[in-house]
Amino acid sequence: MAQKVAQDVINEKLIFDANTGKPVKEIVLENGNIRVVKESGETVEMPLNTIRGKYIKMRLEAGLSEITEPIYV
């Protein structure tokens, strides 16, 4: 089952589009993958078992006090 992340959570968790520096439009967790939709409409999919995939998932689950630097996708 796909789990879509709310836009306000994406903004709080500092997950940005590497090309524009703005928050990504959408993040969906589904079937062992993370799908990130950038501002331009480009979609990036990555497996959850990669370092980057695990880091993004950890960031989404972390408290705000644990976030120090943004993630650029």
C-alpha atoms as a PDB file:
ATOM      1  CA  MET A   1       0.000   0.000   0.000  1.00  0.00           C
ATOM      2  CA  ALA A   2       1.371   3.423  -0.985  1.00  0.00           C
ATOM      3  CA  GLN A   3       1.920   6.014   1.713  1.00  0.00           C
ATOM      4  CA  LYS A   4       1.955   9.613   0.477  1.00  0.00           C
ATOM      5  CA  VAL A   5       3.805  12.187   2.587  1.00  0.00           C
ATOM      6  CA  ALA A   6       2.006  15.487   3.259  1.00  0.00           C
ATOM      7  CA  GLN A   7       3.542  18.661   1.792  1.00  0.00           C
ATOM      8  CA  ASP A   8       3.913  20.361   5.182  1.00  0.00           C
ATOM      9  CA  VAL A   9       5.924  17.357   6.433  1.00  0.00           C
ATOM     10  CA  ILE A  10       8.184  17.554   3.358  1.00  0.00           C
ATOM     11  CA  ASN A  11       8.795  21.246   4.085  1.00  0.00           C
ATOM     12  CA  GLU A  12       9.554  20.607   7.786  1.00  0.00           C
ATOM     13  CA  LYS A  13      11.923  17.720   7.049  1.00  0.00           C
ATOM     14  CA  LEU A  14      14.067  19.829   4.667  1.00  0.00           C
ATOM     15  CA  ILE A  15      13.891  17.572   1.606  1.00  0.00           C
ATOM     16  CA  PHE A  16      14.695  19.738  -1.428  1.00  0.00           C
ATOM     17  CA  ASP A  17      14.947  19.497  -5.208  1.00  0.00           C
ATOM     18  CA  ALA A  18      18.675  19.668  -6.048  1.00  0.00           C
ATOM     19  CA  ASN A  19      17.987  21.686  -9.226  1.00  0.00           C
ATOM     20  CA  THR A  20      15.769  24.420  -7.758  1.00  0.00           C
ATOM     21  CA  GLY A  21      16.530  24.399  -4.033  1.00  0.00           C
ATOM     22  CA  LYS A  22      12.776  24.289  -3.289  1.00  0.00           C
ATOM     23  CA  PRO A  23      10.943  21.509  -1.436  1.00  0.00           C
ATOM     24  CA  VAL A  24      10.031  18.510  -3.609  1.00  0.00           C
ATOM     25  CA  LYS A  25       6.393  18.267  -4.727  1.00  0.00           C
ATOM     26  CA  GLU A  26       5.643  14.760  -3.543  1.00  0.00           C
ATOM     27  CA  ILE A  27       7.122  11.749  -1.770  1.00  0.00           C
ATOM     28  CA  VAL A  28       5.437   8.351  -1.887  1.00  0.00           C
ATOM     29  CA  LEU A  29       6.603   5.221  -0.032  1.00  0.00           C
ATOM     30  CA  GLU A  30       5.433   2.083  -1.846  1.00  0.00           C
ATOM     31  CA  ASN A  31       6.463  -1.552  -2.331  1.00  0.00           C
ATOM     32  CA  GLY A  32       9.974  -1.121  -0.947  1.00  0.00           C
ATOM     33  CA  ASN A  33      10.643   2.031  -3.010  1.00  0.00           C
ATOM     34  CA  ILE A  34      10.584   5.768  -2.459  1.00  0.00           C
ATOM     35  CA  ARG A  35       9.184   7.849  -5.320  1.00  0.00           C
ATOM     36  CA  VAL A  36      10.101  11.543  -5.266  1.00  0.00           C
ATOM     37  CA  VAL A  37       8.403  13.988  -7.633  1.00  0.00           C
ATOM     38  CA  LYS A  38      10.472  17.114  -8.201  1.00  0.00           C
ATOM     39  CA  GLU A  39       9.216  20.637  -8.942  1.00  0.00           C
ATOM     40  CA  SER A  40       9.808  20.102 -12.686  1.00  0.00           C
ATOM     41  CA  GLY A  41       7.630  16.974 -12.662  1.00  0.00           C
ATOM     42  CA  GLU A  42      10.626  14.647 -12.945  1.00  0.00           C
ATOM     43  CA  THR A  43      10.156  11.460 -10.912  1.00  0.00           C
ATOM     44  CA  VAL A  44      13.038   9.787  -9.081  1.00  0.00           C
ATOM     45  CA  GLU A  45      12.562   6.272  -7.695  1.00  0.00           C
ATOM     46  CA  MET A  46      14.987   4.594  -5.339  1.00  0.00           C
ATOM     47  CA  PRO A  47      14.842   1.351  -3.357  1.00  0.00           C
ATOM     48  CA  LEU A  48      14.399   1.652   0.403  1.00  0.00           C
ATOM     49  CA  ASN A  49      17.345  -0.709   0.945  1.00  0.00           C
ATOM     50  CA  THR A  50      19.881   1.800  -0.462  1.00  0.00           C
ATOM     51  CA  ILE A  51      21.725   4.236   1.777  1.00  0.00           C
ATOM     52  CA  ARG A  52      19.915   7.219   0.258  1.00  0.00           C
ATOM     53  CA  GLY A  53      16.516   5.510   0.503  1.00  0.00           C
ATOM     54  CA  LYS A  54      17.098   4.592   4.143  1.00  0.00           C
ATOM     55  CA  TYR A  55      18.269   8.118   4.939  1.00  0.00           C
ATOM     56  CA  ILE A  56      15.169   9.742   3.425  1.00  0.00           C
ATOM     57  CA  LYS A  57      12.888   7.313   5.274  1.00  0.00           C
ATOM     58  CA  MET A  58      14.775   7.967   8.533  1.00  0.00           C
ATOM     59  CA  ARG A  59      14.411  11.714   7.956  1.00  0.00           C
ATOM     60  CA  LEU A  60      10.654  11.352   7.492  1.00  0.00           C
ATOM     61  CA  GLU A  61      10.400   9.422  10.775  1.00  0.00           C
ATOM     62  CA  ALA A  62      12.803  11.628  12.793  1.00  0.00           C
ATOM     63  CA  GLY A  63      11.856  14.386  15.194  1.00  0.00           C
ATOM     64  CA  LEU A  64      12.522  17.988  14.173  1.00  0.00           C
ATOM     65  CA  SER A  65      15.297  18.403  16.736  1.00  0.00           C
ATOM     66  CA  GLU A  66      17.319  15.666  14.964  1.00  0.00           C
ATOM     67  CA  ILE A  67      17.358  17.513  11.609  1.00  0.00           C
ATOM     68  CA  THR A  68      20.407  19.666  10.980  1.00  0.00           C
ATOM     69  CA  GLU A  69      21.074  19.718   7.221  1.00  0.00           C
ATOM     70  CA  PRO A  70      18.752  19.506   4.194  1.00  0.00           C
ATOM     71  CA  ILE A  71      18.612  16.532   1.835  1.00  0.00           C
ATOM     72  CA  TYR A  72      18.848  17.334  -1.877  1.00  0.00           C
ATOM     73  CA  VAL A  73      17.278  14.869  -4.321  1.00  0.00           C
END
